PDB file of N, CA and C in Angstrom:
ATOM      1  N   MET A   1       1.101 -50.938 -49.564  1.00  0.00           N
ATOM      2  CA  MET A   1       1.746 -50.796 -48.278  1.00  0.00           C
ATOM      3  C   MET A   1       2.067 -49.339 -47.991  1.00  0.00           C
ATOM      4  N   LYS A   2       2.554 -48.649 -49.027  1.00  0.00           N
ATOM      5  CA  LYS A   2       2.896 -47.239 -48.850  1.00  0.00           C
ATOM      6  C   LYS A   2       1.634 -46.416 -48.534  1.00  0.00           C
ATOM      7  N   ALA A   3       0.523 -46.696 -49.148  1.00  0.00           N
ATOM      8  CA  ALA A   3      -0.728 -45.985 -48.893  1.00  0.00           C
ATOM      9  C   ALA A   3      -1.211 -46.239 -47.467  1.00  0.00           C
ATOM     10  N   ARG A   4      -0.965 -47.457 -47.024  1.00  0.00           N
ATOM     11  CA  ARG A   4      -1.380 -47.799 -45.667  1.00  0.00           C
ATOM     12  C   ARG A   4      -0.574 -46.990 -44.646  1.00  0.00           C
ATOM     13  N   ILE A   5       0.711 -46.849 -44.865  1.00  0.00           N
ATOM     14  CA  ILE A   5       1.569 -46.067 -43.950  1.00  0.00           C
ATOM     15  C   ILE A   5       1.164 -44.591 -43.993  1.00  0.00           C
ATOM     16  N   GLU A   6       0.902 -44.087 -45.191  1.00  0.00           N
ATOM     17  CA  GLU A   6       0.472 -42.687 -45.306  1.00  0.00           C
ATOM     18  C   GLU A   6      -0.856 -42.463 -44.582  1.00  0.00           C
ATOM     19  N   ARG A   7      -1.762 -43.428 -44.705  1.00  0.00           N
ATOM     20  CA  ARG A   7      -3.046 -43.306 -44.005  1.00  0.00           C
ATOM     21  C   ARG A   7      -2.829 -43.347 -42.481  1.00  0.00           C
ATOM     22  N   GLY A   8      -1.889 -44.165 -42.036  1.00  0.00           N
ATOM     23  CA  GLY A   8      -1.567 -44.234 -40.613  1.00  0.00           C
ATOM     24  C   GLY A   8      -1.016 -42.904 -40.104  1.00  0.00           C
ATOM     25  N   TYR A   9      -0.106 -42.316 -40.901  1.00  0.00           N
ATOM     26  CA  TYR A   9       0.427 -40.999 -40.537  1.00  0.00           C
ATOM     27  C   TYR A   9      -0.672 -39.934 -40.512  1.00  0.00           C
ATOM     28  N   LEU A  10      -1.563 -40.027 -41.455  1.00  0.00           N
ATOM     29  CA  LEU A  10      -2.668 -39.077 -41.508  1.00  0.00           C
ATOM     30  C   LEU A  10      -3.545 -39.190 -40.256  1.00  0.00           C
ATOM     31  N   ILE A  11      -3.837 -40.410 -39.860  1.00  0.00           N
ATOM     32  CA  ILE A  11      -4.662 -40.621 -38.651  1.00  0.00           C
ATOM     33  C   ILE A  11      -3.916 -40.102 -37.417  1.00  0.00           C
ATOM     34  N   ILE A  12      -2.637 -40.406 -37.325  1.00  0.00           N
ATOM     35  CA  ILE A  12      -1.848 -39.928 -36.166  1.00  0.00           C
ATOM     36  C   ILE A  12      -1.809 -38.406 -36.149  1.00  0.00           C
ATOM     37  N   ASN A  13      -1.611 -37.794 -37.307  1.00  0.00           N
ATOM     38  CA  ASN A  13      -1.575 -36.329 -37.375  1.00  0.00           C
ATOM     39  C   ASN A  13      -2.930 -35.720 -36.985  1.00  0.00           C
ATOM     40  N   LEU A  14      -4.014 -36.330 -37.431  1.00  0.00           N
ATOM     41  CA  LEU A  14      -5.340 -35.821 -37.058  1.00  0.00           C
ATOM     42  C   LEU A  14      -5.598 -35.975 -35.559  1.00  0.00           C
ATOM     43  N   VAL A  15      -5.163 -37.071 -34.983  1.00  0.00           N
ATOM     44  CA  VAL A  15      -5.320 -37.260 -33.527  1.00  0.00           C
ATOM     45  C   VAL A  15      -4.504 -36.214 -32.781  1.00  0.00           C
ATOM     46  N   ILE A  16      -3.276 -35.991 -33.194  1.00  0.00           N
ATOM     47  CA  ILE A  16      -2.432 -34.982 -32.529  1.00  0.00           C
ATOM     48  C   ILE A  16      -3.032 -33.590 -32.694  1.00  0.00           C
ATOM     49  N   LEU A  17      -3.515 -33.282 -33.886  1.00  0.00           N
ATOM     50  CA  LEU A  17      -4.149 -31.985 -34.119  1.00  0.00           C
ATOM     51  C   LEU A  17      -5.390 -31.821 -33.238  1.00  0.00           C
ATOM     52  N   GLY A  18      -6.185 -32.880 -33.134  1.00  0.00           N
ATOM     53  CA  GLY A  18      -7.365 -32.827 -32.267  1.00  0.00           C
ATOM     54  C   GLY A  18      -6.999 -32.631 -30.807  1.00  0.00           C
ATOM     55  N   LEU A  19      -5.954 -33.336 -30.353  1.00  0.00           N
ATOM     56  CA  LEU A  19      -5.505 -33.163 -28.962  1.00  0.00           C
ATOM     57  C   LEU A  19      -4.999 -31.752 -28.708  1.00  0.00           C
ATOM     58  N   LEU A  20      -4.268 -31.198 -29.679  1.00  0.00           N
ATOM     59  CA  LEU A  20      -3.777 -29.825 -29.526  1.00  0.00           C
ATOM     60  C   LEU A  20      -4.934 -28.829 -29.494  1.00  0.00           C
ATOM     61  N   ALA A  21      -5.929 -29.052 -30.343  1.00  0.00           N
ATOM     62  CA  ALA A  21      -7.091 -28.158 -30.338  1.00  0.00           C
ATOM     63  C   ALA A  21      -7.836 -28.265 -29.020  1.00  0.00           C
ATOM     64  N   LEU A  22      -7.975 -29.505 -28.533  1.00  0.00           N
ATOM     65  CA  LEU A  22      -8.651 -29.712 -27.258  1.00  0.00           C
ATOM     66  C   LEU A  22      -7.868 -29.066 -26.122  1.00  0.00           C
ATOM     67  N   ALA A  23      -6.543 -29.210 -26.147  1.00  0.00           N
ATOM     68  CA  ALA A  23      -5.704 -28.612 -25.106  1.00  0.00           C
ATOM     69  C   ALA A  23      -5.811 -27.094 -25.155  1.00  0.00           C
ATOM     70  N   GLY A  24      -5.854 -26.520 -26.346  1.00  0.00           N
ATOM     71  CA  GLY A  24      -6.012 -25.065 -26.457  1.00  0.00           C
ATOM     72  C   GLY A  24      -7.347 -24.617 -25.906  1.00  0.00           C
ATOM     73  N   ASN A  25      -8.397 -25.379 -26.172  1.00  0.00           N
ATOM     74  CA  ASN A  25      -9.727 -25.041 -25.666  1.00  0.00           C
ATOM     75  C   ASN A  25      -9.768 -25.140 -24.150  1.00  0.00           C
ATOM     76  N   VAL A  26      -9.160 -26.192 -23.610  1.00  0.00           N
ATOM     77  CA  VAL A  26      -9.122 -26.348 -22.155  1.00  0.00           C
ATOM     78  C   VAL A  26      -8.318 -25.222 -21.529  1.00  0.00           C
ATOM     79  N   THR A  27      -7.218 -24.857 -22.145  1.00  0.00           N
ATOM     80  CA  THR A  27      -6.406 -23.759 -21.628  1.00  0.00           C
ATOM     81  C   THR A  27      -7.198 -22.466 -21.621  1.00  0.00           C
ATOM     82  N   ALA A  28      -7.927 -22.221 -22.696  1.00  0.00           N
ATOM     83  CA  ALA A  28      -8.739 -20.999 -22.747  1.00  0.00           C
ATOM     84  C   ALA A  28      -9.823 -21.015 -21.674  1.00  0.00           C
ATOM     85  N   GLN A  29     -10.400 -22.181 -21.431  1.00  0.00           N
ATOM     86  CA  GLN A  29     -11.429 -22.274 -20.383  1.00  0.00           C
ATOM     87  C   GLN A  29     -10.815 -22.009 -19.012  1.00  0.00           C
ATOM     88  N   TRP A  30      -9.646 -22.579 -18.756  1.00  0.00           N
ATOM     89  CA  TRP A  30      -9.012 -22.348 -17.457  1.00  0.00           C
ATOM     90  C   TRP A  30      -8.599 -20.889 -17.283  1.00  0.00           C
ATOM     91  N   GLU A  31      -8.171 -20.263 -18.363  1.00  0.00           N
ATOM     92  CA  GLU A  31      -7.844 -18.839 -18.287  1.00  0.00           C
ATOM     93  C   GLU A  31      -9.086 -18.021 -17.949  1.00  0.00           C
ATOM     94  N   ALA A  32     -10.206 -18.381 -18.534  1.00  0.00           N
ATOM     95  CA  ALA A  32     -11.452 -17.668 -18.238  1.00  0.00           C
ATOM     96  C   ALA A  32     -11.864 -17.888 -16.791  1.00  0.00           C
ATOM     97  N   VAL A  33     -11.725 -19.120 -16.301  1.00  0.00           N
ATOM     98  CA  VAL A  33     -12.073 -19.413 -14.908  1.00  0.00           C
ATOM     99  C   VAL A  33     -11.162 -18.635 -13.962  1.00  0.00           C
ATOM    100  N   ALA A  34      -9.864 -18.625 -14.265  1.00  0.00           N
ATOM    101  CA  ALA A  34      -8.914 -17.910 -13.403  1.00  0.00           C
ATOM    102  C   ALA A  34      -9.204 -16.411 -13.412  1.00  0.00           C
ATOM    103  N   PHE A  35      -9.477 -15.852 -14.585  1.00  0.00           N
ATOM    104  CA  PHE A  35      -9.778 -14.423 -14.675  1.00  0.00           C
ATOM    105  C   PHE A  35     -11.060 -14.099 -13.921  1.00  0.00           C
ATOM    106  N   GLY A  36     -12.082 -14.934 -14.072  1.00  0.00           N
ATOM    107  CA  GLY A  36     -13.339 -14.726 -13.352  1.00  0.00           C
ATOM    108  C   GLY A  36     -13.145 -14.820 -11.855  1.00  0.00           C
ATOM    109  N   SER A  37     -12.318 -15.750 -11.402  1.00  0.00           N
ATOM    110  CA  SER A  37     -12.063 -15.895  -9.966  1.00  0.00           C
ATOM    111  C   SER A  37     -11.350 -14.671  -9.415  1.00  0.00           C
ATOM    112  N   VAL A  38     -10.361 -14.181 -10.143  1.00  0.00           N
ATOM    113  CA  VAL A  38      -9.628 -12.999  -9.688  1.00  0.00           C
ATOM    114  C   VAL A  38     -10.560 -11.797  -9.627  1.00  0.00           C
ATOM    115  N   CYS A  39     -11.394 -11.632 -10.650  1.00  0.00           N
ATOM    116  CA  CYS A  39     -12.348 -10.515 -10.644  1.00  0.00           C
ATOM    117  C   CYS A  39     -13.313 -10.638  -9.473  1.00  0.00           C
ATOM    118  N   CYS A  40     -13.769 -11.842  -9.216  1.00  0.00           N
ATOM    119  CA  CYS A  40     -14.694 -12.073  -8.111  1.00  0.00           C
ATOM    120  C   CYS A  40     -14.019 -11.727  -6.781  1.00  0.00           C
ATOM    121  N   ILE A  41     -12.776 -12.142  -6.611  1.00  0.00           N
ATOM    122  CA  ILE A  41     -12.049 -11.851  -5.371  1.00  0.00           C
ATOM    123  C   ILE A  41     -11.816 -10.357  -5.230  1.00  0.00           C
ATOM    124  N   VAL A  42     -11.429  -9.696  -6.318  1.00  0.00           N
ATOM    125  CA  VAL A  42     -11.164  -8.259  -6.274  1.00  0.00           C
ATOM    126  C   VAL A  42     -12.430  -7.489  -5.908  1.00  0.00           C
ATOM    127  N   ILE A  43     -13.583  -7.980  -6.310  1.00  0.00           N
ATOM    128  CA  ILE A  43     -14.837  -7.298  -5.994  1.00  0.00           C
ATOM    129  C   ILE A  43     -15.354  -7.700  -4.621  1.00  0.00           C
ATOM    130  N   LEU A  44     -15.269  -8.975  -4.281  1.00  0.00           N
ATOM    131  CA  LEU A  44     -15.876  -9.462  -3.036  1.00  0.00           C
ATOM    132  C   LEU A  44     -15.099  -9.083  -1.777  1.00  0.00           C
ATOM    133  N   ILE A  45     -13.792  -9.092  -1.809  1.00  0.00           N
ATOM    134  CA  ILE A  45     -13.023  -8.809  -0.601  1.00  0.00           C
ATOM    135  C   ILE A  45     -13.284  -7.399  -0.082  1.00  0.00           C
ATOM    136  N   PRO A  46     -13.272  -6.348  -0.909  1.00  0.00           N
ATOM    137  CA  PRO A  46     -13.610  -5.025  -0.361  1.00  0.00           C
ATOM    138  C   PRO A  46     -15.043  -4.946   0.176  1.00  0.00           C
ATOM    139  N   ILE A  47     -15.980  -5.650  -0.448  1.00  0.00           N
ATOM    140  CA  ILE A  47     -17.358  -5.643   0.052  1.00  0.00           C
ATOM    141  C   ILE A  47     -17.424  -6.315   1.419  1.00  0.00           C
ATOM    142  N   ILE A  48     -16.739  -7.437   1.584  1.00  0.00           N
ATOM    143  CA  ILE A  48     -16.725  -8.135   2.868  1.00  0.00           C
ATOM    144  C   ILE A  48     -16.071  -7.268   3.935  1.00  0.00           C
ATOM    145  N   ILE A  49     -14.980  -6.599   3.598  1.00  0.00           N
ATOM    146  CA  ILE A  49     -14.310  -5.713   4.562  1.00  0.00           C
ATOM    147  C   ILE A  49     -15.234  -4.563   4.955  1.00  0.00           C
ATOM    148  N   ALA A  50     -15.939  -3.978   3.990  1.00  0.00           N
ATOM    149  CA  ALA A  50     -16.863  -2.877   4.293  1.00  0.00           C
ATOM    150  C   ALA A  50     -17.998  -3.347   5.204  1.00  0.00           C
ATOM    151  N   ILE A  51     -18.508  -4.544   4.985  1.00  0.00           N
ATOM    152  CA  ILE A  51     -19.574  -5.075   5.840  1.00  0.00           C
ATOM    153  C   ILE A  51     -19.061  -5.300   7.251  1.00  0.00           C
ATOM    154  N   LEU A  52     -17.868  -5.865   7.390  1.00  0.00           N
ATOM    155  CA  LEU A  52     -17.297  -6.094   8.728  1.00  0.00           C
ATOM    156  C   LEU A  52     -17.045  -4.776   9.460  1.00  0.00           C
ATOM    157  N   ILE A  53     -16.560  -3.762   8.751  1.00  0.00           N
ATOM    158  CA  ILE A  53     -16.345  -2.451   9.368  1.00  0.00           C
ATOM    159  C   ILE A  53     -17.678  -1.847   9.803  1.00  0.00           C
ATOM    160  N   ALA A  54     -18.717  -1.969   8.960  1.00  0.00           N
ATOM    161  CA  ALA A  54     -20.031  -1.416   9.297  1.00  0.00           C
ATOM    162  C   ALA A  54     -20.609  -2.099  10.532  1.00  0.00           C
ATOM    163  N   ILE A  55     -20.443  -3.416  10.635  1.00  0.00           N
ATOM    164  CA  ILE A  55     -20.936  -4.137  11.823  1.00  0.00           C
ATOM    165  C   ILE A  55     -20.182  -3.677  13.060  1.00  0.00           C
ATOM    166  N   TRP A  56     -18.868  -3.526  12.947  1.00  0.00           N
ATOM    167  CA  TRP A  56     -18.090  -3.076  14.102  1.00  0.00           C
ATOM    168  C   TRP A  56     -18.510  -1.674  14.531  1.00  0.00           C
ATOM    169  N   VAL A  57     -18.710  -0.762  13.567  1.00  0.00           N
ATOM    170  CA  VAL A  57     -19.120   0.606  13.894  1.00  0.00           C
ATOM    171  C   VAL A  57     -20.480   0.593  14.584  1.00  0.00           C
ATOM    172  N   TYR A  58     -21.415  -0.207  14.085  1.00  0.00           N
ATOM    173  CA  TYR A  58     -22.745  -0.290  14.696  1.00  0.00           C
ATOM    174  C   TYR A  58     -22.642  -0.745  16.152  1.00  0.00           C
ATOM    175  N   ARG A  59     -21.916  -1.815  16.401  1.00  0.00           N
ATOM    176  CA  ARG A  59     -21.793  -2.336  17.776  1.00  0.00           C
ATOM    177  C   ARG A  59     -21.065  -1.350  18.682  1.00  0.00           C
ATOM    178  N   ASP A  60     -20.002  -0.735  18.169  1.00  0.00           N
ATOM    179  CA  ASP A  60     -19.241   0.206  18.986  1.00  0.00           C
ATOM    180  C   ASP A  60     -20.073   1.452  19.304  1.00  0.00           C
ATOM    181  N   ALA A  61     -20.823   1.949  18.326  1.00  0.00           N
ATOM    182  CA  ALA A  61     -21.659   3.132  18.567  1.00  0.00           C
ATOM    183  C   ALA A  61     -22.748   2.826  19.589  1.00  0.00           C
ATOM    184  N   GLU A  62     -23.373   1.652  19.484  1.00  0.00           N
ATOM    185  CA  GLU A  62     -24.406   1.277  20.456  1.00  0.00           C
ATOM    186  C   GLU A  62     -23.809   1.146  21.856  1.00  0.00           C
ATOM    187  N   SER A  63     -22.604   0.618  21.973  1.00  0.00           N
ATOM    188  CA  SER A  63     -21.993   0.452  23.295  1.00  0.00           C
ATOM    189  C   SER A  63     -21.587   1.793  23.905  1.00  0.00           C
ATOM    190  N   ARG A  64     -21.504   2.836  23.096  1.00  0.00           N
ATOM    191  CA  ARG A  64     -21.148   4.160  23.602  1.00  0.00           C
ATOM    192  C   ARG A  64     -22.357   5.070  23.747  1.00  0.00           C
ATOM    193  N   GLY A  65     -23.553   4.514  23.543  1.00  0.00           N
ATOM    194  CA  GLY A  65     -24.765   5.312  23.707  1.00  0.00           C
ATOM    195  C   GLY A  65     -25.075   6.203  22.518  1.00  0.00           C
ATOM    196  N   MET A  66     -24.455   5.942  21.391  1.00  0.00           N
ATOM    197  CA  MET A  66     -24.700   6.719  20.182  1.00  0.00           C
ATOM    198  C   MET A  66     -25.672   5.940  19.298  1.00  0.00           C
ATOM    199  N   SER A  67     -26.201   6.572  18.271  1.00  0.00           N
ATOM    200  CA  SER A  67     -27.121   5.901  17.366  1.00  0.00           C
ATOM    201  C   SER A  67     -26.336   4.989  16.421  1.00  0.00           C
ATOM    202  N   GLY A  68     -26.473   3.690  16.635  1.00  0.00           N
ATOM    203  CA  GLY A  68     -25.743   2.733  15.819  1.00  0.00           C
ATOM    204  C   GLY A  68     -26.192   2.732  14.373  1.00  0.00           C
ATOM    205  N   ILE A  69     -27.508   2.854  14.150  1.00  0.00           N
ATOM    206  CA  ILE A  69     -28.045   2.851  12.788  1.00  0.00           C
ATOM    207  C   ILE A  69     -27.534   4.062  12.006  1.00  0.00           C
ATOM    208  N   LEU A  70     -27.530   5.226  12.656  1.00  0.00           N
ATOM    209  CA  LEU A  70     -27.054   6.435  11.974  1.00  0.00           C
ATOM    210  C   LEU A  70     -25.608   6.269  11.540  1.00  0.00           C
ATOM    211  N   TRP A  71     -24.751   5.795  12.445  1.00  0.00           N
ATOM    212  CA  TRP A  71     -23.340   5.660  12.102  1.00  0.00           C
ATOM    213  C   TRP A  71     -23.106   4.534  11.109  1.00  0.00           C
ATOM    214  N   LEU A  72     -23.918   3.498  11.161  1.00  0.00           N
ATOM    215  CA  LEU A  72     -23.829   2.431  10.168  1.00  0.00           C
ATOM    216  C   LEU A  72     -24.104   2.987   8.774  1.00  0.00           C
ATOM    217  N   LEU A  73     -25.149   3.797   8.650  1.00  0.00           N
ATOM    218  CA  LEU A  73     -25.488   4.387   7.358  1.00  0.00           C
ATOM    219  C   LEU A  73     -24.416   5.366   6.888  1.00  0.00           C
ATOM    220  N   VAL A  74     -23.850   6.136   7.824  1.00  0.00           N
ATOM    221  CA  VAL A  74     -22.791   7.084   7.452  1.00  0.00           C
ATOM    222  C   VAL A  74     -21.585   6.325   6.909  1.00  0.00           C
ATOM    223  N   VAL A  75     -21.200   5.249   7.592  1.00  0.00           N
ATOM    224  CA  VAL A  75     -20.014   4.490   7.164  1.00  0.00           C
ATOM    225  C   VAL A  75     -20.266   3.797   5.824  1.00  0.00           C
ATOM    226  N   ILE A  76     -21.502   3.344   5.593  1.00  0.00           N
ATOM    227  CA  ILE A  76     -21.789   2.646   4.333  1.00  0.00           C
ATOM    228  C   ILE A  76     -21.869   3.618   3.162  1.00  0.00           C
ATOM    229  N   PHE A  77     -22.531   4.753   3.347  1.00  0.00           N
ATOM    230  CA  PHE A  77     -22.827   5.609   2.199  1.00  0.00           C
ATOM    231  C   PHE A  77     -21.829   6.743   1.962  1.00  0.00           C
ATOM    232  N   VAL A  78     -20.970   7.061   2.901  1.00  0.00           N
ATOM    233  CA  VAL A  78     -19.949   8.088   2.665  1.00  0.00           C
ATOM    234  C   VAL A  78     -18.721   7.374   2.104  1.00  0.00           C
ATOM    235  N   PRO A  79     -18.255   7.756   0.932  1.00  0.00           N
ATOM    236  CA  PRO A  79     -17.223   6.974   0.240  1.00  0.00           C
ATOM    237  C   PRO A  79     -15.823   7.147   0.810  1.00  0.00           C
ATOM    238  N   TYR A  80     -14.966   6.203   0.421  1.00  0.00           N
ATOM    239  CA  TYR A  80     -13.522   6.252   0.673  1.00  0.00           C
ATOM    240  C   TYR A  80     -13.160   6.335   2.151  1.00  0.00           C
ATOM    241  N   PHE A  81     -13.849   5.632   2.980  1.00  0.00           N
ATOM    242  CA  PHE A  81     -13.562   5.531   4.411  1.00  0.00           C
ATOM    243  C   PHE A  81     -13.629   6.868   5.143  1.00  0.00           C
ATOM    244  N   ILE A  82     -14.190   7.901   4.523  1.00  0.00           N
ATOM    245  CA  ILE A  82     -14.327   9.195   5.200  1.00  0.00           C
ATOM    246  C   ILE A  82     -15.313   9.064   6.359  1.00  0.00           C
ATOM    247  N   GLY A  83     -16.399   8.299   6.162  1.00  0.00           N
ATOM    248  CA  GLY A  83     -17.379   8.076   7.229  1.00  0.00           C
ATOM    249  C   GLY A  83     -16.748   7.396   8.430  1.00  0.00           C
ATOM    250  N   LEU A  84     -15.866   6.421   8.184  1.00  0.00           N
ATOM    251  CA  LEU A  84     -15.178   5.738   9.280  1.00  0.00           C
ATOM    252  C   LEU A  84     -14.254   6.694  10.018  1.00  0.00           C
ATOM    253  N   ILE A  85     -13.554   7.534   9.296  1.00  0.00           N
ATOM    254  CA  ILE A  85     -12.656   8.497   9.936  1.00  0.00           C
ATOM    255  C   ILE A  85     -13.449   9.491  10.779  1.00  0.00           C
ATOM    256  N   VAL A  86     -14.571   9.978  10.256  1.00  0.00           N
ATOM    257  CA  VAL A  86     -15.418  10.898  11.027  1.00  0.00           C
ATOM    258  C   VAL A  86     -15.925  10.205  12.280  1.00  0.00           C
ATOM    259  N   TYR A  87     -16.354   8.950  12.163  1.00  0.00           N
ATOM    260  CA  TYR A  87     -16.835   8.222  13.335  1.00  0.00           C
ATOM    261  C   TYR A  87     -15.728   8.078  14.371  1.00  0.00           C
ATOM    262  N   LEU A  88     -14.517   7.734  13.943  1.00  0.00           N
ATOM    263  CA  LEU A  88     -13.417   7.562  14.891  1.00  0.00           C
ATOM    264  C   LEU A  88     -13.076   8.873  15.606  1.00  0.00           C
ATOM    265  N   VAL A  89     -13.255  10.007  14.931  1.00  0.00           N
ATOM    266  CA  VAL A  89     -13.011  11.302  15.576  1.00  0.00           C
ATOM    267  C   VAL A  89     -14.124  11.608  16.577  1.00  0.00           C
ATOM    268  N   VAL A  90     -15.371  11.368  16.195  1.00  0.00           N
ATOM    269  CA  VAL A  90     -16.509  11.702  17.056  1.00  0.00           C
ATOM    270  C   VAL A  90     -16.590  10.770  18.256  1.00  0.00           C
ATOM    271  N   ARG A  91     -16.215   9.527  18.110  1.00  0.00           N
ATOM    272  CA  ARG A  91     -16.392   8.549  19.183  1.00  0.00           C
ATOM    273  C   ARG A  91     -15.501   8.824  20.385  1.00  0.00           C
ATOM    274  N   ARG A  92     -14.455   9.626  20.204  1.00  0.00           N
ATOM    275  CA  ARG A  92     -13.582   9.939  21.343  1.00  0.00           C
ATOM    276  C   ARG A  92     -14.331  10.687  22.436  1.00  0.00           C
ATOM    277  N   ASP A  93     -15.397  11.423  22.068  1.00  0.00           N
ATOM    278  CA  ASP A  93     -16.155  12.197  23.050  1.00  0.00           C
ATOM    279  C   ASP A  93     -17.177  11.353  23.806  1.00  0.00           C
ATOM    280  N   HIS A  94     -17.341  10.102  23.440  1.00  0.00           N
ATOM    281  CA  HIS A  94     -18.346   9.243  24.066  1.00  0.00           C
ATOM    282  C   HIS A  94     -17.659   8.032  24.680  1.00  0.00           C
ATOM    283  N   PRO A  95     -17.519   8.018  26.012  1.00  0.00           N
ATOM    284  CA  PRO A  95     -16.839   6.872  26.628  1.00  0.00           C
ATOM    285  C   PRO A  95     -17.684   5.606  26.504  1.00  0.00           C
ATOM    286  N   LYS A  96     -17.008   4.486  26.516  1.00  0.00           N
ATOM    287  CA  LYS A  96     -17.687   3.201  26.405  1.00  0.00           C
ATOM    288  C   LYS A  96     -18.396   2.885  27.719  1.00  0.00           C
ATOM    289  N   ARG A  97     -19.634   2.423  27.612  1.00  0.00           N
ATOM    290  CA  ARG A  97     -20.421   2.103  28.800  1.00  0.00           C
ATOM    291  C   ARG A  97     -20.246   0.639  29.158  1.00  0.00           C
ATOM    292  N   PRO A  98     -20.289   0.338  30.459  1.00  0.00           N
ATOM    293  CA  PRO A  98     -20.152  -1.069  30.848  1.00  0.00           C
ATOM    294  C   PRO A  98     -21.378  -1.864  30.410  1.00  0.00           C
ATOM    295  N   PRO A  99     -21.240  -3.174  30.236  1.00  0.00           N
ATOM    296  CA  PRO A  99     -22.394  -3.975  29.825  1.00  0.00           C
ATOM    297  C   PRO A  99     -23.496  -3.939  30.883  1.00  0.00           C
ATOM    298  N   GLY A 100     -24.734  -3.865  30.445  1.00  0.00           N
ATOM    299  CA  GLY A 100     -25.869  -3.828  31.371  1.00  0.00           C
ATOM    300  C   GLY A 100     -26.165  -2.436  31.900  1.00  0.00           C
ATOM    301  N   TYR A 101     -25.456  -1.422  31.436  1.00  0.00           N
ATOM    302  CA  TYR A 101     -25.676  -0.065  31.923  1.00  0.00           C
ATOM    303  C   TYR A 101     -26.801   0.585  31.146  1.00  0.00           C
ATOM    304  N   TYR A 102     -27.775   1.111  31.877  1.00  0.00           N
ATOM    305  CA  TYR A 102     -28.846   1.908  31.295  1.00  0.00           C
ATOM    306  C   TYR A 102     -28.956   3.167  32.142  1.00  0.00           C
ATOM    307  N   PRO A 103     -28.867   4.330  31.547  1.00  0.00           N
ATOM    308  CA  PRO A 103     -28.934   5.542  32.368  1.00  0.00           C
ATOM    309  C   PRO A 103     -30.324   5.683  32.980  1.00  0.00           C
ATOM    310  N   PRO A 104     -30.398   6.188  34.218  1.00  0.00           N
ATOM    311  CA  PRO A 104     -31.704   6.380  34.836  1.00  0.00           C
ATOM    312  C   PRO A 104     -32.533   7.398  34.052  1.00  0.00           C
ATOM    313  N   THR A 105     -33.848   7.327  34.218  1.00  0.00           N
ATOM    314  CA  THR A 105     -34.729   8.259  33.526  1.00  0.00           C
ATOM    315  C   THR A 105     -34.669   9.629  34.199  1.00  0.00           C
ATOM    316  N   GLY A 106     -35.549  10.514  33.756  1.00  0.00           N
ATOM    317  CA  GLY A 106     -35.558  11.894  34.252  1.00  0.00           C
ATOM    318  C   GLY A 106     -35.803  11.999  35.749  1.00  0.00           C
ATOM    319  N   PRO A 107     -35.908  13.242  36.276  1.00  0.00           N
ATOM    320  CA  PRO A 107     -36.083  13.438  37.710  1.00  0.00           C
ATOM    321  C   PRO A 107     -37.371  12.787  38.202  1.00  0.00           C
ATOM    322  N   GLY A 108     -37.245  12.046  39.283  1.00  0.00           N
ATOM    323  CA  GLY A 108     -38.409  11.397  39.881  1.00  0.00           C
ATOM    324  C   GLY A 108     -38.836  10.143  39.149  1.00  0.00           C
ATOM    325  N   GLY A 109     -38.182   9.795  38.044  1.00  0.00           N
ATOM    326  CA  GLY A 109     -38.570   8.609  37.279  1.00  0.00           C
ATOM    327  C   GLY A 109     -37.873   7.376  37.819  1.00  0.00           C
ATOM    328  N   TYR A 110     -38.388   6.269  37.439  1.00  0.00           N
ATOM    329  CA  TYR A 110     -37.788   5.003  37.854  1.00  0.00           C
ATOM    330  C   TYR A 110     -36.792   4.552  36.798  1.00  0.00           C
ATOM    331  N   PRO A 111     -35.751   3.856  37.219  1.00  0.00           N
ATOM    332  CA  PRO A 111     -34.805   3.357  36.218  1.00  0.00           C
ATOM    333  C   PRO A 111     -35.469   2.279  35.358  1.00  0.00           C
ATOM    334  N   PRO A 112     -35.006   2.115  34.158  1.00  0.00           N
ATOM    335  CA  PRO A 112     -35.589   1.092  33.288  1.00  0.00           C
ATOM    336  C   PRO A 112     -35.298  -0.313  33.823  1.00  0.00           C
ATOM    337  N   PRO A 113     -36.052  -1.303  33.371  1.00  0.00           N
ATOM    338  CA  PRO A 113     -35.781  -2.670  33.831  1.00  0.00           C
ATOM    339  C   PRO A 113     -34.384  -3.115  33.421  1.00  0.00           C
ATOM    340  N   GLY A 114     -33.735  -3.811  34.289  1.00  0.00           N
ATOM    341  CA  GLY A 114     -32.392  -4.288  34.007  1.00  0.00           C
ATOM    342  C   GLY A 114     -31.308  -3.304  34.399  1.00  0.00           C
ATOM    343  N   TYR A 115     -31.671  -2.146  34.990  1.00  0.00           N
ATOM    344  CA  TYR A 115     -30.652  -1.168  35.399  1.00  0.00           C
ATOM    345  C   TYR A 115     -30.048  -1.618  36.709  1.00  0.00           C
ATOM    346  N   TYR A 116     -28.756  -1.702  36.722  1.00  0.00           N
ATOM    347  CA  TYR A 116     -28.043  -2.057  37.953  1.00  0.00           C
ATOM    348  C   TYR A 116     -27.158  -0.883  38.318  1.00  0.00           C
ATOM    349  N   PRO A 117     -27.417  -0.274  39.459  1.00  0.00           N
ATOM    350  CA  PRO A 117     -26.557   0.859  39.836  1.00  0.00           C
ATOM    351  C   PRO A 117     -25.124   0.368  40.060  1.00  0.00           C
ATOM    352  N   PRO A 118     -24.173   1.258  39.875  1.00  0.00           N
ATOM    353  CA  PRO A 118     -22.791   0.857  40.087  1.00  0.00           C
ATOM    354  C   PRO A 118     -22.571   0.500  41.557  1.00  0.00           C
ATOM    355  N   PRO A 119     -21.657  -0.427  41.823  1.00  0.00           N
ATOM    356  CA  PRO A 119     -21.408  -0.799  43.219  1.00  0.00           C
ATOM    357  C   PRO A 119     -20.803   0.371  43.978  1.00  0.00           C
ATOM    358  N   PRO A 120     -21.070   0.447  45.291  1.00  0.00           N
ATOM    359  CA  PRO A 120     -20.512   1.562  46.076  1.00  0.00           C
ATOM    360  C   PRO A 120     -18.996   1.482  46.120  1.00  0.00           C
ATOM    361  N   ARG A 121     -18.373   2.646  46.150  1.00  0.00           N
ATOM    362  CA  ARG A 121     -16.912   2.704  46.229  1.00  0.00           C
ATOM    363  C   ARG A 121     -16.474   2.492  47.660  1.00  0.00           C
ATOM    364  N   ARG A 122     -15.366   1.877  47.815  1.00  0.00           N
ATOM    365  CA  ARG A 122     -14.836   1.619  49.175  1.00  0.00           C
ATOM    366  C   ARG A 122     -13.635   2.464  49.433  1.00  0.00           C
TER     367      ARG A 122
END
């Protein structure tokens, strides 16, 4: 009878030890997942912000008659937001054009298709 009780305790202890080992392994896995997620967020959020800023600069430069591709490349490849600051300084000299505006061609030339002259002032 005593051997049977000791064997029962041994089985219970082994089950508890196995559960503790399993819990430690699961905890380590969750720690790895959490660390990987944080690293992914720390890397991805600045990349997403940089892409959104580059898209905005491209659209804003095109609407002001500036080269959107050039400013997109400047903002992407010049580090630490210096390209964005330079763009914001330069863009003050270029007013925003209304939608559908295309400047007429040279002297004696015809305006491009889709050009609508501004309405007469009253």
